[in-house]
Protein backbone atom coordinates (compact mmCIF):
# COMPACT_ATOMS: atom_id res chain seq x y z
CA MET A 1 -108.80 30.89 173.63
CA ASN A 2 -106.89 28.33 171.58
CA ARG A 3 -108.36 29.64 168.36
CA ALA A 4 -107.37 33.23 169.18
CA GLY A 5 -103.85 32.11 170.10
CA PHE A 6 -103.54 30.24 166.83
CA ASN A 7 -104.64 33.27 164.85
CA ILE A 8 -102.10 35.55 166.57
CA SER A 9 -99.34 33.03 165.94
CA ASP A 10 -100.41 32.67 162.33
CA ILE A 11 -100.36 36.42 161.78
CA LYS A 12 -96.91 36.68 163.35
CA GLU A 13 -95.56 33.98 161.05
CA LYS A 14 -97.03 35.64 157.97
CA ASN A 15 -95.54 39.01 158.95
CA ARG A 16 -92.16 37.41 159.50
CA ALA A 17 -92.39 35.59 156.18
CA LEU A 18 -93.37 38.79 154.36
CA THR A 19 -90.43 40.67 155.87
CA LEU A 20 -88.00 37.91 154.91
CA LYS A 21 -89.38 37.88 151.37
CA TYR A 22 -88.63 41.56 150.79
CA ILE A 23 -85.11 41.17 152.17
CA CYS A 24 -84.41 38.08 150.04
CA THR A 25 -85.85 39.31 146.75
CA GLY A 26 -84.25 42.77 146.78
CA GLU A 27 -80.71 44.10 146.63
CA GLY A 28 -80.74 45.19 150.26
CA VAL A 29 -83.51 47.06 152.03
CA SER A 30 -83.67 49.38 155.04
CA ARG A 31 -86.10 49.10 157.94
CA ILE A 32 -87.78 52.28 156.73
CA GLU A 33 -88.36 50.71 153.30
CA LEU A 34 -89.58 47.50 154.91
CA ALA A 35 -92.15 49.44 156.92
CA LYS A 36 -93.51 50.97 153.71
CA LEU A 37 -93.53 47.66 151.86
CA THR A 38 -95.10 45.56 154.61
CA GLY A 39 -97.32 48.12 156.36
CA LEU A 40 -96.05 46.85 159.74
CA THR A 41 -95.48 49.09 162.75
CA LYS A 42 -91.97 50.10 163.74
CA MET A 43 -92.08 47.96 166.89
CA THR A 44 -93.36 44.86 165.06
CA LEU A 45 -90.76 45.25 162.35
CA THR A 46 -87.96 45.76 164.89
CA ASN A 47 -88.94 42.54 166.69
CA ILE A 48 -89.05 40.58 163.43
CA THR A 49 -85.72 41.86 162.08
CA ASN A 50 -84.02 41.25 165.43
CA GLU A 51 -85.29 37.67 165.37
CA LEU A 52 -84.00 37.21 161.80
CA LEU A 53 -80.63 38.70 162.80
CA GLN A 54 -80.30 36.41 165.82
CA SER A 55 -81.27 33.33 163.81
CA GLY A 56 -78.54 34.02 161.24
CA PHE A 57 -80.90 34.52 158.29
CA ILE A 58 -79.93 38.15 157.73
CA GLU A 59 -77.23 40.67 158.62
CA GLN A 60 -76.77 44.41 158.63
CA ASP A 61 -74.72 45.96 155.85
CA GLU A 62 -71.78 47.46 157.74
CA GLU A 63 -70.83 49.70 154.81
CA SER A 64 -74.25 51.40 154.79
CA ASP A 65 -73.94 51.81 158.57
CA ASN A 66 -70.76 53.87 158.18
CA GLN A 67 -71.88 56.04 155.27
CA VAL A 68 -72.95 59.61 155.94
CA SER A 69 -74.67 61.77 153.31
CA SER A 70 -75.30 65.53 153.24
CA VAL A 71 -78.59 64.97 155.08
CA GLY A 72 -77.21 62.68 157.77
CA ARG A 73 -76.42 59.02 158.28
CA ARG A 74 -77.80 56.71 155.62
CA PRO A 75 -80.30 54.01 156.66
CA ILE A 76 -78.77 50.69 157.68
CA MET A 77 -79.43 48.11 154.96
CA LEU A 78 -80.49 44.54 155.71
CA LYS A 79 -79.41 41.66 153.53
CA ILE A 80 -79.08 37.88 153.54
CA SER A 81 -76.26 36.60 155.72
CA PRO A 82 -73.41 34.66 154.01
CA GLY A 83 -74.05 31.82 156.45
CA SER A 84 -77.82 31.82 156.13
CA PRO A 85 -79.73 28.60 155.44
CA VAL A 86 -80.07 27.28 151.90
CA VAL A 87 -82.51 25.22 149.84
CA ALA A 88 -82.09 22.56 147.19
CA GLY A 89 -84.11 22.05 144.04
CA VAL A 90 -84.31 19.30 141.43
CA TRP A 91 -85.70 19.72 137.94
CA VAL A 92 -86.96 16.45 136.44
CA SER A 93 -87.21 16.58 132.64
CA ARG A 94 -87.47 13.77 130.12
CA ASP A 95 -83.71 13.85 129.66
CA PHE A 96 -82.19 14.50 133.09
CA CYS A 97 -82.45 15.24 136.80
CA TYR A 98 -80.81 18.61 137.31
CA GLY A 99 -80.18 19.70 140.88
CA VAL A 100 -79.22 23.05 142.32
CA LEU A 101 -78.31 24.37 145.76
CA CYS A 102 -79.31 28.03 146.30
CA ASP A 103 -79.38 30.60 149.04
CA LEU A 104 -82.61 32.47 149.71
CA LYS A 105 -81.71 35.07 147.08
CA ALA A 106 -81.64 32.26 144.47
CA ASP A 107 -77.88 32.62 144.02
CA ILE A 108 -76.56 29.23 142.91
CA ILE A 109 -74.00 27.56 145.17
CA ALA A 110 -73.72 24.10 143.58
CA GLN A 111 -75.21 22.06 140.74
CA LYS A 112 -75.53 18.39 139.78
CA ARG A 113 -76.91 16.82 136.62
CA ILE A 114 -77.78 13.13 136.14
CA PRO A 115 -79.07 11.82 132.78
CA LEU A 116 -82.30 9.88 132.37
CA GLY A 117 -83.07 7.37 129.64
CA GLU A 118 -85.24 4.57 128.34
CA PHE A 119 -84.07 2.07 130.96
CA ASP A 120 -85.14 4.20 133.90
CA THR A 121 -88.05 3.18 136.13
CA ALA A 122 -89.95 4.83 138.95
CA GLU A 123 -87.46 3.30 141.36
CA THR A 124 -84.32 4.43 139.52
CA LEU A 125 -85.80 7.90 139.05
CA SER A 126 -86.32 8.19 142.81
CA GLU A 127 -82.77 6.97 143.42
CA LYS A 128 -81.31 9.53 140.99
CA ILE A 129 -83.26 12.39 142.56
CA ILE A 130 -82.05 11.40 146.03
CA ARG A 131 -78.47 10.95 144.80
CA CYS A 132 -78.65 14.40 143.24
CA VAL A 133 -79.84 15.98 146.50
CA GLU A 134 -77.26 14.08 148.57
CA TYR A 135 -74.47 15.48 146.40
CA LEU A 136 -75.79 19.04 146.79
CA ILE A 137 -76.09 18.75 150.58
CA MET A 138 -72.47 17.57 150.77
CA GLN A 139 -71.35 20.81 149.12
CA THR A 140 -72.30 23.01 152.09
CA LYS A 141 -72.08 23.20 155.87
CA ARG A 142 -75.07 25.54 155.98
CA ARG A 143 -78.48 24.39 157.16
CA VAL A 144 -80.64 22.98 154.34
CA LEU A 145 -84.25 24.01 154.87
CA GLY A 146 -85.99 21.81 152.32
CA ILE A 147 -86.09 20.36 148.84
CA GLY A 148 -88.17 21.53 145.88
CA VAL A 149 -88.78 19.20 142.96
CA CYS A 150 -90.33 20.35 139.71
CA SER A 151 -91.28 17.87 137.03
CA LEU A 152 -93.00 17.53 133.74
CA GLY A 153 -96.66 16.91 134.47
CA PRO A 154 -99.13 15.83 135.42
CA VAL A 155 -98.21 15.89 139.10
CA ASP A 156 -100.13 15.60 142.35
CA ILE A 157 -98.77 18.52 144.36
CA GLN A 158 -100.78 17.72 147.48
CA ASN A 159 -99.23 14.28 147.89
CA GLY A 160 -95.94 14.99 146.10
CA VAL A 161 -96.41 12.38 143.37
CA ILE A 162 -95.30 12.50 139.74
CA LEU A 163 -98.31 10.91 138.04
CA LYS A 164 -98.15 9.81 134.40
CA PRO A 165 -96.11 12.10 132.13
CA THR A 166 -96.39 11.34 128.42
CA ASN A 167 -93.37 9.86 126.64
CA PHE A 168 -91.56 9.34 129.97
CA TYR A 169 -90.31 5.76 129.57
CA GLY A 170 -93.48 4.38 131.13
CA ILE A 171 -92.60 5.93 134.52
CA THR A 172 -95.72 6.60 136.60
CA ASP A 173 -96.82 7.28 140.18
CA VAL A 174 -93.50 8.32 141.74
CA PRO A 175 -93.95 9.58 145.35
CA VAL A 176 -90.88 11.81 145.23
CA ALA A 177 -91.69 13.97 148.26
CA GLU A 178 -92.18 10.92 150.48
CA ARG A 179 -89.02 9.20 149.16
CA ILE A 180 -86.88 12.29 149.82
CA LYS A 181 -88.23 12.70 153.33
CA GLU A 182 -87.65 9.03 154.11
CA ALA A 183 -84.10 9.03 152.74
CA LEU A 184 -82.87 12.43 153.91
CA GLY A 185 -85.20 13.53 156.69
CA LEU A 186 -85.92 16.83 154.95
CA PRO A 187 -89.27 18.32 153.91
CA ALA A 188 -89.86 18.14 150.16
CA PHE A 189 -92.39 19.83 147.90
CA LEU A 190 -93.40 18.96 144.33
CA GLU A 191 -94.62 21.31 141.63
CA LYS A 192 -95.08 21.20 137.87
CA ASP A 193 -92.06 22.57 135.98
CA MET A 194 -94.01 25.39 134.32
CA ASN A 195 -95.46 26.52 137.64
CA ALA A 196 -92.02 26.48 139.24
CA SER A 197 -90.71 28.60 136.36
CA ALA A 198 -93.48 31.12 136.95
CA LEU A 199 -92.52 31.29 140.64
CA ALA A 200 -88.89 31.97 139.68
CA GLU A 201 -90.00 34.88 137.50
CA LYS A 202 -92.33 36.16 140.24
CA TYR A 203 -89.73 36.32 143.00
CA TYR A 204 -86.42 36.75 141.20
CA GLY A 205 -87.07 37.52 137.54
CA ARG A 206 -88.78 39.97 135.23
CA CYS A 207 -92.15 39.86 136.94
CA ARG A 208 -91.38 40.86 140.54
CA ASP A 209 -93.79 43.78 140.21
CA VAL A 210 -96.32 42.10 137.89
CA SER A 211 -99.42 40.62 139.50
CA ASP A 212 -100.85 38.89 136.40
CA PHE A 213 -98.61 37.09 133.96
CA VAL A 214 -98.15 33.80 132.15
CA TYR A 215 -94.94 31.82 131.84
CA LEU A 216 -94.93 29.99 128.49
CA GLY A 217 -92.51 27.07 128.30
CA ILE A 218 -91.76 25.68 124.84
CA THR A 219 -89.71 22.48 124.85
CA ASN A 220 -90.51 18.79 124.16
CA GLY A 221 -94.05 19.83 125.03
CA ILE A 222 -95.70 23.18 125.68
CA GLY A 223 -97.05 24.32 129.02
CA ALA A 224 -97.84 27.41 131.03
CA GLY A 225 -97.46 28.62 134.59
CA ILE A 226 -100.07 31.19 135.58
CA ILE A 227 -99.71 33.93 138.17
CA SER A 228 -103.08 35.56 138.82
CA SER A 229 -103.49 38.44 141.31
CA GLY A 230 -99.99 37.68 142.55
CA GLU A 231 -100.70 34.02 143.31
CA LEU A 232 -99.81 30.81 141.49
CA PHE A 233 -102.97 29.43 139.90
CA HIS A 234 -103.48 25.67 140.21
CA GLY A 235 -107.16 25.23 139.41
CA GLY A 236 -109.48 22.83 141.17
CA SER A 237 -107.36 19.69 140.74
CA GLY A 238 -103.92 21.17 140.12
CA PHE A 239 -103.89 20.40 136.40
CA SER A 240 -104.05 23.97 135.09
CA GLY A 241 -101.65 25.40 132.51
CA GLU A 242 -101.81 22.64 129.88
CA PHE A 243 -101.44 25.25 127.19
CA GLY A 244 -100.03 22.75 124.68
CA HIS A 245 -103.47 21.18 124.43
CA THR A 246 -105.20 24.37 123.35
CA SER A 247 -106.69 23.55 119.96
CA ILE A 248 -106.17 25.97 117.09
CA ASP A 249 -107.72 23.68 114.45
CA HIS A 250 -110.62 21.40 115.34
CA GLN A 251 -110.11 19.55 112.05
CA GLY A 252 -106.37 19.20 112.48
CA GLU A 253 -104.19 16.20 113.26
CA ARG A 254 -105.21 14.17 116.30
CA CYS A 255 -103.06 14.74 119.36
CA HIS A 256 -102.02 12.01 121.79
CA CYS A 257 -104.36 13.69 124.32
CA GLY A 258 -107.30 12.73 122.07
CA ASN A 259 -108.14 16.24 120.81
CA GLN A 260 -107.42 17.63 117.36
CA GLY A 261 -105.22 20.51 116.26
CA CYS A 262 -103.47 21.14 119.60
CA ILE A 263 -100.79 23.83 119.41
CA GLU A 264 -98.25 21.29 120.71
CA LEU A 265 -98.58 19.38 117.42
CA TYR A 266 -97.14 22.40 115.60
CA ALA A 267 -94.97 24.30 118.06
CA SER A 268 -93.28 21.88 120.48
CA VAL A 269 -89.60 21.64 119.63
CA PRO A 270 -89.64 18.04 118.29
CA ASN A 271 -92.68 18.80 116.12
CA ILE A 272 -91.20 22.07 114.84
CA LEU A 273 -88.15 20.12 113.63
CA ARG A 274 -90.08 17.09 112.35
CA ASN A 275 -92.65 19.13 110.45
CA TYR A 276 -89.98 21.33 108.89
CA SER A 277 -88.02 18.29 107.68
CA ASP A 278 -91.21 16.78 106.22
CA VAL A 279 -92.08 19.99 104.35
CA CYS A 280 -88.66 21.21 103.27
CA SER A 281 -86.56 18.02 103.27
CA ASP A 282 -83.67 19.88 104.95
CA ASP A 283 -81.49 18.05 107.45
CA ILE A 284 -81.94 20.06 110.67
CA SER A 285 -80.59 18.70 113.96
CA GLY A 286 -81.75 21.34 116.42
CA LEU A 287 -83.93 24.37 117.04
CA ASN A 288 -81.04 26.82 117.18
CA GLN A 289 -79.81 25.59 113.80
CA LEU A 290 -83.24 26.14 112.27
CA ILE A 291 -83.53 29.62 113.80
CA ALA A 292 -80.09 30.56 112.43
CA LEU A 293 -81.00 29.14 109.02
CA ALA A 294 -84.04 31.43 108.86
CA ASP A 295 -81.71 34.45 108.56
CA THR A 296 -80.59 33.32 105.10
CA ASN A 297 -83.19 30.76 103.99
CA ALA A 298 -86.57 32.08 102.85
CA ARG A 299 -88.33 28.72 103.32
CA ALA A 300 -87.09 28.38 106.90
CA ASP A 301 -88.04 31.98 107.65
CA GLU A 302 -91.55 31.53 106.24
CA TYR A 303 -92.00 28.27 108.15
CA LEU A 304 -90.99 29.77 111.50
CA CYS A 305 -93.14 32.82 110.84
CA ASP A 306 -96.15 30.50 110.40
CA ILE A 307 -95.28 28.70 113.66
CA CYS A 308 -95.17 32.05 115.45
CA LYS A 309 -98.56 33.02 114.04
CA LYS A 310 -99.99 29.75 115.37
CA ILE A 311 -98.48 30.37 118.82
CA GLY A 312 -99.88 33.91 118.77
CA ALA A 313 -103.34 32.58 117.88
CA ALA A 314 -103.21 30.10 120.76
CA LEU A 315 -102.07 32.81 123.16
CA VAL A 316 -105.10 34.91 122.19
CA ASN A 317 -107.29 32.22 123.77
CA ILE A 318 -105.47 32.16 127.10
CA SER A 319 -105.14 35.96 127.15
CA ASN A 320 -108.84 36.56 126.58
CA VAL A 321 -109.56 34.31 129.57
CA LEU A 322 -106.82 35.42 131.98
CA ASP A 323 -106.05 39.01 130.91
CA PRO A 324 -102.30 38.92 131.70
CA SER A 325 -100.04 41.96 131.46
CA VAL A 326 -96.94 39.99 130.48
CA ILE A 327 -96.16 36.65 128.84
CA VAL A 328 -92.67 35.30 129.58
CA VAL A 329 -91.26 32.86 127.03
CA GLY A 330 -88.84 30.29 128.41
CA HIS A 331 -87.46 26.76 128.30
CA ASP A 332 -86.20 26.29 124.69
CA GLY A 333 -88.48 29.13 123.60
CA PHE A 334 -85.91 31.46 125.17
CA TYR A 335 -83.85 31.00 121.99
CA PHE A 336 -86.55 32.28 119.64
CA SER A 337 -85.16 35.19 117.64
CA ASP A 338 -86.26 38.77 118.23
CA ARG A 339 -88.20 38.65 114.98
CA MET A 340 -90.04 35.49 116.06
CA LEU A 341 -91.04 37.04 119.39
CA GLU A 342 -92.15 40.22 117.63
CA THR A 343 -94.33 38.16 115.30
CA ILE A 344 -95.94 36.31 118.22
CA GLU A 345 -96.51 39.53 120.14
CA LYS A 346 -98.00 41.30 117.11
CA ASN A 347 -100.44 38.49 116.35
CA LEU A 348 -101.35 38.18 120.01
CA ASN A 349 -102.12 41.87 120.49
CA ASN A 350 -104.00 42.10 117.18
CA GLY A 351 -106.17 39.15 118.15
CA ILE A 352 -107.16 39.78 121.76
CA LEU A 353 -110.59 41.20 122.52
CA ALA A 354 -109.01 44.27 124.14
CA SER A 355 -106.91 45.03 121.04
CA GLY A 356 -106.41 48.78 120.76
CA TYR A 357 -107.09 49.29 124.47
CA LYS A 358 -104.19 47.34 125.99
CA SER A 359 -101.01 45.58 124.91
CA ILE A 360 -99.53 42.43 126.35
CA VAL A 361 -95.75 42.46 126.67
CA LEU A 362 -93.91 39.38 125.42
CA CYS A 363 -90.39 38.85 126.77
CA ARG A 364 -87.77 36.18 127.31
CA SER A 365 -87.23 34.42 130.62
CA SER A 366 -84.72 35.94 133.04
CA PHE A 367 -83.07 32.53 133.41
CA ALA A 368 -82.39 31.52 129.78
CA ASP A 369 -83.54 27.92 129.28
CA CYS A 370 -83.05 27.01 132.96
CA SER A 371 -85.99 28.73 134.63
CA PRO A 372 -87.26 25.37 136.00
CA LEU A 373 -83.89 24.85 137.69
CA VAL A 374 -84.15 28.10 139.66
CA GLY A 375 -87.87 27.42 139.94
CA ALA A 376 -87.31 24.09 141.69
CA ALA A 377 -85.49 25.83 144.53
CA THR A 378 -88.04 28.67 144.48
CA ILE A 379 -90.80 26.17 145.33
CA VAL A 380 -89.37 26.06 148.85
CA MET A 381 -88.87 29.84 148.94
CA ASP A 382 -92.52 30.34 148.00
CA LYS A 383 -93.62 28.16 150.92
CA ILE A 384 -91.39 30.18 153.26
CA PHE A 385 -92.35 33.62 151.93
CA THR A 386 -96.08 32.92 152.15
CA GLY A 387 -95.89 31.58 155.70
CA LYS A 388 -96.81 28.03 154.75
CA PHE A 389 -93.45 26.61 155.85
CA ASN A 390 -92.17 27.88 159.18
CA VAL A 391 -88.38 27.63 159.26
CA LEU A 392 -87.71 29.78 162.34
CA SER A 393 -89.56 27.96 165.12
């Protein structure tokens, strides 16, 4: 009896979560559309939407209620309520903690940025994350459901611990989820920054209707977030997506990971700039400057073209294994020129095993270079929308 009761309750929660997802990730949806999207019966859907209305999560669009077309009254649209609960997210990079407060449509309400540096420790990092969240909570009177934290990896998502990121001031083993819960009494969830970026694209970006895609983040390092069959792929131990350590030259320079010829040695932003300065002796201070220079400087253009060919070759490997439909380029890679992206896409599609039978679309992130920021908040949304985090009982 208990087992059957649990299963019924679990199904109810998943149906409620699915309904809320479609309302939050669209521009307004009617009950008729929800029935088609969810496959739920009219009675079940009516009960769920009434519960969401009473709880203050959603409201009916009064304008759609009053509109009459030539074929009768238009369906009443459901949308997120202005007073609905919110979530907070914190993006931990090598340079800063960047916090954001969002509603369940991922519309940003408030932001807070705190720099990180060489004198930071595990303790000061925890303090800065908590200070960031405290500031965000003070900016609203709405209920805060939970906190998402995304960080450079590796991370232990099960226990909410930032493990041992490379070149991160010696900071290791930071139990951020536990520290947040202790300090603020709110549930907190940790995810790798690339995975969080993929979740942002899945729910609110270019890939809402794409079941298999890869988010490629190019910044101080290179990583990937993988959505496979509509689900975030973690692998057996949660360490998937280390795209930067895909080797494209087994006789190349040795990487800090111990392997040789990793793509990160050539195409991470610091290495792009360092290698260009070594080869061309030009004084370049940033990626955008180098990209702009390529429009008028043949050496810079040739150099970046070679980088793009290398990225394309590395993407062939991951594409032959995962068979994605789309690859989204984000973090600092968002600023790659159209010509650079075209070069990567061309080399990718010429190199995959299915060349001539399918094409993989390469596009920029929907969130410029801040996809992990939206992604941090989306970590909580993902838990809610998949029924893993019950916020209504």
